[in-house]
Protein backbone atom coordinates (compact mmCIF):
# COMPACT_ATOMS: atom_id res chain seq x y z
CA UNK A 1 -11.44 1.20 -21.01
CA UNK A 2 -7.86 0.17 -22.13
CA UNK A 3 -7.34 -3.53 -22.19
CA UNK A 4 -5.54 -5.47 -24.92
CA UNK A 5 -5.82 -9.20 -23.71
CA UNK A 6 -9.63 -9.54 -24.07
CA UNK A 7 -9.85 -11.52 -20.94
CA UNK A 8 -9.98 -10.75 -17.15
CA UNK A 9 -8.58 -12.47 -14.46
CA UNK A 10 -9.93 -12.90 -10.70
CA UNK A 11 -6.72 -12.38 -9.40
CA UNK A 12 -4.14 -9.80 -9.95
CA UNK A 13 -1.48 -10.69 -12.16
CA UNK A 14 1.40 -8.93 -14.23
CA UNK A 15 0.79 -8.41 -17.88
CA UNK A 16 3.75 -7.15 -20.10
CA UNK A 17 1.37 -6.96 -23.02
CA UNK A 18 -0.94 -4.46 -21.27
CA UNK A 19 1.98 -2.21 -20.51
CA UNK A 20 3.38 -2.31 -23.87
CA UNK A 21 -0.22 -1.43 -25.25
CA UNK A 22 -0.68 1.46 -23.02
CA UNK A 23 2.98 2.95 -23.61
CA UNK A 24 1.78 2.69 -27.52
CA UNK A 25 -1.45 4.78 -26.53
CA UNK A 26 0.64 7.48 -24.53
CA UNK A 27 3.04 7.85 -27.35
CA UNK A 28 0.18 8.88 -29.65
CA UNK A 29 -0.92 11.59 -27.27
CA UNK A 30 -3.93 13.53 -28.97
CA UNK A 31 -3.91 11.25 -31.93
CA UNK A 32 -4.93 8.32 -29.49
CA UNK A 33 -8.39 7.17 -29.95
CA UNK A 34 -8.49 7.72 -26.23
CA UNK A 35 -6.70 10.98 -25.91
CA UNK A 36 -8.83 12.67 -23.23
CA UNK A 37 -7.88 9.52 -21.21
CA UNK A 38 -4.22 9.75 -22.45
CA UNK A 39 -3.84 13.55 -21.52
CA UNK A 40 -4.89 12.86 -18.17
CA UNK A 41 -2.55 9.90 -17.58
CA UNK A 42 0.22 12.02 -18.94
CA UNK A 43 -0.66 14.63 -16.39
CA UNK A 44 -0.27 12.62 -13.40
CA UNK A 45 2.88 13.06 -11.11
CA UNK A 46 5.86 10.64 -11.38
CA UNK A 47 7.95 9.24 -8.59
CA UNK A 48 4.93 8.62 -6.11
CA UNK A 49 5.50 4.90 -5.31
CA UNK A 50 8.55 3.72 -3.32
CA UNK A 51 9.68 1.61 -6.13
CA UNK A 52 10.08 4.51 -8.63
CA UNK A 53 12.13 6.70 -6.03
CA UNK A 54 15.65 7.68 -6.33
CA UNK A 55 18.26 5.35 -5.24
CA UNK A 56 18.89 7.70 -1.99
CA UNK A 57 15.23 7.59 -1.45
CA UNK A 58 14.85 3.86 -1.55
CA UNK A 59 17.83 3.40 0.61
CA UNK A 60 16.54 5.72 3.04
CA UNK A 61 13.06 3.77 3.22
CA UNK A 62 15.21 0.45 3.73
CA UNK A 63 17.06 1.66 6.34
CA UNK A 64 13.65 2.95 8.19
CA UNK A 65 12.11 -0.46 7.64
CA UNK A 66 15.24 -2.31 9.50
CA UNK A 67 16.51 -3.35 6.23
CA UNK A 68 13.85 -6.18 5.98
CA UNK A 69 12.54 -6.39 9.49
CA UNK A 70 9.28 -4.22 8.95
CA UNK A 71 6.89 -4.39 5.98
CA UNK A 72 6.76 -3.59 3.22
CA UNK A 73 9.51 -5.96 2.61
CA UNK A 74 11.87 -5.17 -0.12
CA UNK A 75 10.88 -7.66 -2.58
CA UNK A 76 7.63 -6.30 -3.05
CA UNK A 77 8.96 -2.85 -3.75
CA UNK A 78 12.50 -2.16 -4.41
CA UNK A 79 13.44 -3.96 -7.54
CA UNK A 80 10.03 -4.63 -9.01
CA UNK A 81 10.66 -2.28 -12.22
CA UNK A 82 13.88 -4.32 -12.75
CA UNK A 83 12.58 -7.60 -12.41
CA UNK A 84 9.28 -7.23 -14.13
CA UNK A 85 9.59 -4.74 -16.73
CA UNK A 86 13.55 -5.12 -17.63
CA UNK A 87 13.72 -9.08 -17.07
CA UNK A 88 10.23 -10.22 -17.58
CA UNK A 89 8.98 -7.75 -20.40
CA UNK A 90 12.52 -7.18 -22.06
CA UNK A 91 11.56 -3.60 -21.67
CA UNK A 92 14.13 -0.82 -22.05
CA UNK A 93 15.12 1.66 -19.24
CA UNK A 94 15.80 4.75 -21.48
CA UNK A 95 12.26 5.00 -22.89
CA UNK A 96 10.45 7.34 -20.33
CA UNK A 97 6.95 6.86 -21.48
CA UNK A 98 7.40 3.02 -21.56
CA UNK A 99 8.28 3.70 -17.74
CA UNK A 100 5.60 5.84 -17.39
CA UNK A 101 3.31 3.07 -18.60
CA UNK A 102 4.52 0.68 -16.21
CA UNK A 103 4.34 2.89 -13.14
CA UNK A 104 0.75 3.97 -14.25
CA UNK A 105 -0.31 0.19 -14.67
CA UNK A 106 1.26 -0.60 -11.45
CA UNK A 107 -0.81 1.99 -9.62
CA UNK A 108 -3.95 2.20 -11.54
CA UNK A 109 -4.96 -1.15 -13.37
CA UNK A 110 -7.55 -3.40 -12.29
CA UNK A 111 -6.23 -6.85 -13.30
CA UNK A 112 -4.66 -5.17 -16.59
CA UNK A 113 -8.00 -3.04 -16.97
CA UNK A 114 -7.35 0.69 -17.19
CA UNK A 115 -10.70 2.42 -16.39
CA UNK A 116 -11.36 5.97 -16.88
CA UNK A 117 -13.22 7.83 -14.33
CA UNK A 118 -13.22 4.83 -11.93
CA UNK A 119 -9.37 5.29 -11.24
CA UNK A 120 -10.08 9.03 -10.18
CA UNK A 121 -11.71 7.70 -6.99
CA UNK A 122 -9.85 7.99 -3.83
CA UNK A 123 -9.42 5.28 -1.21
CA UNK A 124 -11.06 4.91 2.01
CA UNK A 125 -12.41 2.20 4.21
CA UNK A 126 -14.23 4.86 6.70
CA UNK A 127 -17.68 4.08 6.74
CA UNK A 128 -18.35 8.00 7.12
CA UNK A 129 -16.63 8.68 3.70
CA UNK A 130 -16.83 5.33 1.63
CA UNK A 131 -19.70 6.00 -0.83
CA UNK A 132 -19.35 3.71 -3.60
CA UNK A 133 -18.59 -0.24 -4.12
CA UNK A 134 -17.08 -1.63 -7.23
CA UNK A 135 -17.99 -5.10 -8.63
CA UNK A 136 -15.31 -6.25 -11.42
CA UNK A 137 -15.85 -8.92 -14.07
CA UNK A 138 -14.78 -12.43 -13.62
CA UNK A 139 -14.41 -12.93 -17.40
CA UNK A 140 -14.63 -10.68 -20.63
CA UNK A 141 -17.83 -9.29 -21.84
CA UNK A 142 -19.13 -8.82 -18.21
CA UNK A 143 -19.73 -5.46 -16.95
CA UNK A 144 -17.60 -3.43 -14.59
CA UNK A 145 -19.74 -1.72 -12.05
CA UNK A 146 -19.18 0.98 -9.78
CA UNK A 147 -22.24 1.87 -7.64
CA UNK A 148 -23.12 4.22 -5.00
CA UNK A 149 -23.75 2.60 -1.65
CA UNK A 150 -25.40 5.70 -0.19
CA UNK A 151 -26.62 9.30 -1.44
CA UNK A 152 -23.54 11.33 -2.81
CA UNK A 153 -24.20 15.02 -2.53
CA UNK A 154 -23.10 17.33 -5.35
CA UNK A 155 -19.37 18.15 -4.98
CA UNK A 156 -18.68 15.27 -2.48
CA UNK A 157 -15.44 13.37 -3.24
CA UNK A 158 -16.00 9.85 -4.65
CA UNK A 159 -14.36 7.15 -2.30
CA UNK A 160 -13.79 3.53 -3.31
CA UNK A 161 -11.90 1.03 -1.19
CA UNK A 162 -8.79 -0.28 -2.70
CA UNK A 163 -8.62 -3.12 -0.27
CA UNK A 164 -12.32 -3.83 0.41
CA UNK A 165 -11.98 -7.51 1.40
CA UNK A 166 -8.50 -7.07 3.54
CA UNK A 167 -8.56 -9.24 6.66
CA UNK A 168 -9.77 -6.48 8.72
CA UNK A 169 -12.92 -5.61 6.70
CA UNK A 170 -16.44 -6.97 7.70
CA UNK A 171 -17.62 -7.83 4.22
CA UNK A 172 -19.32 -11.20 3.32
CA UNK A 173 -17.30 -13.68 1.03
CA UNK A 174 -19.86 -13.50 -1.44
CA UNK A 175 -19.25 -9.74 -2.02
CA UNK A 176 -15.73 -9.92 -2.46
CA UNK A 177 -15.36 -10.31 -6.04
CA UNK A 178 -12.93 -7.50 -6.06
CA UNK A 179 -10.29 -9.78 -4.68
CA UNK A 180 -8.59 -6.56 -2.91
CA UNK A 181 -7.04 -8.01 0.26
CA UNK A 182 -4.16 -5.70 0.53
CA UNK A 183 -2.97 -4.40 3.78
CA UNK A 184 -1.92 -1.03 4.94
CA UNK A 185 1.65 -1.35 3.85
CA UNK A 186 0.64 -3.09 0.21
CA UNK A 187 -1.29 0.29 -0.21
CA UNK A 188 1.74 2.12 0.39
CA UNK A 189 3.95 0.17 -2.12
CA UNK A 190 1.15 0.36 -4.78
CA UNK A 191 0.04 3.81 -4.50
CA UNK A 192 2.60 5.85 -2.21
CA UNK A 193 0.21 6.96 0.09
CA UNK A 194 -0.86 5.60 4.01
CA UNK A 195 -4.42 4.91 4.40
CA UNK A 196 -6.49 6.45 7.12
CA UNK A 197 -7.96 4.15 9.88
CA UNK A 198 -8.92 1.66 9.87
CA UNK A 199 -5.82 -0.20 9.00
CA UNK A 200 -4.52 -3.83 8.51
CA UNK A 201 -1.05 -4.92 9.57
CA UNK A 202 0.92 -8.07 9.63
CA UNK A 203 4.27 -7.74 11.56
CA UNK A 204 6.90 -10.59 11.23
CA UNK A 205 9.01 -11.22 14.13
CA UNK A 206 10.62 -14.05 12.40
CA UNK A 207 12.12 -11.50 10.26
CA UNK A 208 15.07 -11.37 12.40
CA UNK A 209 18.94 -11.34 12.27
CA UNK A 210 20.27 -14.73 10.87
CA UNK A 211 21.95 -15.55 14.21
CA UNK A 212 18.81 -15.43 16.21
CA UNK A 213 18.01 -18.57 17.78
CA UNK A 214 14.06 -18.19 18.14
CA UNK A 215 11.95 -20.39 16.82
CA UNK A 216 8.89 -18.57 16.81
CA UNK A 217 7.18 -18.15 13.37
CA UNK A 218 3.98 -16.58 14.50
CA UNK A 219 3.05 -13.35 12.27
CA UNK A 220 1.31 -10.63 14.30
CA UNK A 221 -1.84 -9.94 12.38
CA UNK A 222 -4.27 -7.24 13.76
CA UNK A 223 -6.58 -4.51 12.74
CA UNK A 224 -6.03 -0.99 14.05
CA UNK A 225 -8.59 1.85 14.43
CA UNK A 226 -8.51 4.86 16.46
CA UNK A 227 -11.29 6.81 18.20
CA UNK A 228 -11.03 10.41 16.35
CA UNK A 229 -12.35 12.13 19.53
CA UNK A 230 -10.38 10.60 22.37
CA UNK A 231 -7.45 9.31 20.10
CA UNK A 232 -7.59 5.80 22.04
CA UNK A 233 -6.41 2.70 20.03
CA UNK A 234 -8.59 -0.13 19.07
CA UNK A 235 -6.64 -3.11 18.20
CA UNK A 236 -8.07 -6.41 17.56
CA UNK A 237 -5.96 -9.52 17.02
CA UNK A 238 -7.20 -11.52 13.78
CA UNK A 239 -6.86 -14.95 15.27
CA UNK A 240 -8.29 -13.76 18.68
CA UNK A 241 -6.28 -13.22 22.05
CA UNK A 242 -4.78 -16.66 21.84
CA UNK A 243 -2.48 -15.06 19.05
CA UNK A 244 -1.32 -11.89 20.83
CA UNK A 245 2.32 -11.50 20.85
CA UNK A 246 4.47 -13.49 23.29
CA UNK A 247 6.79 -12.10 25.40
CA UNK A 248 9.58 -12.46 22.98
CA UNK A 249 7.48 -10.89 20.30
CA UNK A 250 6.84 -7.97 22.73
CA UNK A 251 10.70 -7.48 23.05
CA UNK A 252 10.99 -7.44 19.18
CA UNK A 253 8.15 -4.85 19.08
CA UNK A 254 10.01 -2.63 21.70
CA UNK A 255 13.24 -2.65 19.88
CA UNK A 256 11.52 -1.52 16.63
CA UNK A 257 9.77 1.07 18.26
CA UNK A 258 13.03 2.48 19.94
CA UNK A 259 15.05 2.02 16.56
CA UNK A 260 12.11 4.17 14.77
CA UNK A 261 12.15 6.68 17.92
CA UNK A 262 16.03 7.14 17.43
CA UNK A 263 15.24 7.64 13.76
CA UNK A 264 13.05 10.52 14.82
CA UNK A 265 15.15 12.22 16.94
CA UNK A 266 17.69 12.56 13.85
CA UNK A 267 15.22 13.70 11.70
CA UNK A 268 16.26 17.32 11.58
CA UNK A 269 19.87 16.65 10.73
CA UNK A 270 18.90 13.84 8.09
CA UNK A 271 16.64 16.30 6.23
CA UNK A 272 19.53 18.84 5.97
CA UNK A 273 21.83 16.00 4.47
CA UNK A 274 19.26 14.34 2.39
CA UNK A 275 16.67 16.91 1.32
CA UNK A 276 18.30 20.21 1.35
CA UNK A 277 21.47 18.93 -0.43
CA UNK A 278 19.11 17.16 -3.07
CA UNK A 279 19.94 13.68 -2.48
CA UNK A 280 16.24 12.69 -2.15
CA UNK A 281 12.93 14.66 -3.02
CA UNK A 282 10.54 16.33 -0.85
CA UNK A 283 7.87 13.78 -1.89
CA UNK A 284 10.06 10.90 -0.94
CA UNK A 285 10.98 12.36 2.47
CA UNK A 286 7.56 13.27 3.41
CA UNK A 287 6.17 10.05 2.20
CA UNK A 288 8.72 8.10 4.18
CA UNK A 289 7.95 10.03 7.35
CA UNK A 290 4.12 9.52 6.75
CA UNK A 291 4.80 5.59 6.78
CA UNK A 292 7.36 5.98 9.85
CA UNK A 293 4.53 7.75 11.69
CA UNK A 294 1.75 4.89 10.64
CA UNK A 295 4.53 2.22 11.89
CA UNK A 296 5.20 3.83 15.19
CA UNK A 297 1.54 4.12 15.63
CA UNK A 298 0.60 0.47 14.78
CA UNK A 299 3.71 -0.93 16.94
CA UNK A 300 2.85 1.38 19.91
CA UNK A 301 -0.79 0.08 19.69
CA UNK A 302 0.33 -3.56 19.44
CA UNK A 303 2.45 -2.84 22.62
CA UNK A 304 -0.38 -1.12 24.60
CA UNK A 305 -2.70 -4.00 23.69
CA UNK A 306 -0.06 -6.65 24.92
CA UNK A 307 0.35 -4.53 28.35
CA UNK A 308 -3.34 -4.08 28.96
CA UNK A 309 -3.89 -7.87 28.32
CA UNK A 310 -1.30 -8.41 30.85
CA UNK A 311 -2.62 -6.04 33.50
CA UNK A 312 -6.19 -7.74 33.06
CA UNK A 313 -4.42 -11.15 33.66
CA UNK A 314 -2.75 -9.72 36.95
CA UNK A 315 -6.02 -8.50 38.13
CA UNK A 316 -7.58 -12.08 37.98
């Protein structure tokens, strides 16, 4: 366990010292006292998280998100390296191992703890896949536990929930010492992947043009699941049906859906321009479109839920 600070916070926070310490171990390579883990970390691919992408890749994602209209919002991903590492930590931009340490810590640490073996577990909240639960210590000296929550067969993938206590999870508060409340867009920022269903979304129609006269500040928060056999959406509004989208919200959702569809119609042409000509990597391209599809599905499900609710009221 790589942890230089001798303390543990219940809440996620950023530690310059932890990153410098990790960079120091990476530079030692086989001379590190944690050489096996260091070799594993150095073998990890780079450029997987949106904040680490090329400038073209970042701009493509920003354009896809309507330049601030859809999550994840840019302050959460676009310039985190500059604001955190270069500004807060007085780091450098020309030391590749320090940069690697920053991104490794961003995607793998548990409140500045780097935990070998544990960080190899993949993420899932699918009850058919999730086979472990983690319990993090609240202070130094306590045990970090990863326990099986069912029988795990030989050769079976180990799954852990990265956002076990998100708003869509049916987890007792007493078991939420993992403090993992991230939604689906947050996982995309932190790890570079789109989680399988169930998903947790928060869309903010208030993130509109500055000349918009709307005074509706309601955030659309909903849980989304999908029937694997029928493909039907199961949308649950976190604050109940009283907080379902208004007519104005529905218009905003339709606008976003049309914009995403228009972008999809231009996909082949954009691929030739951006990927085949080397402006952005294949990973950035595929990751962007994976998230595009997830956003498209979430917005479509929200619109469908509103339409079905309107139909039910008409029948009354």
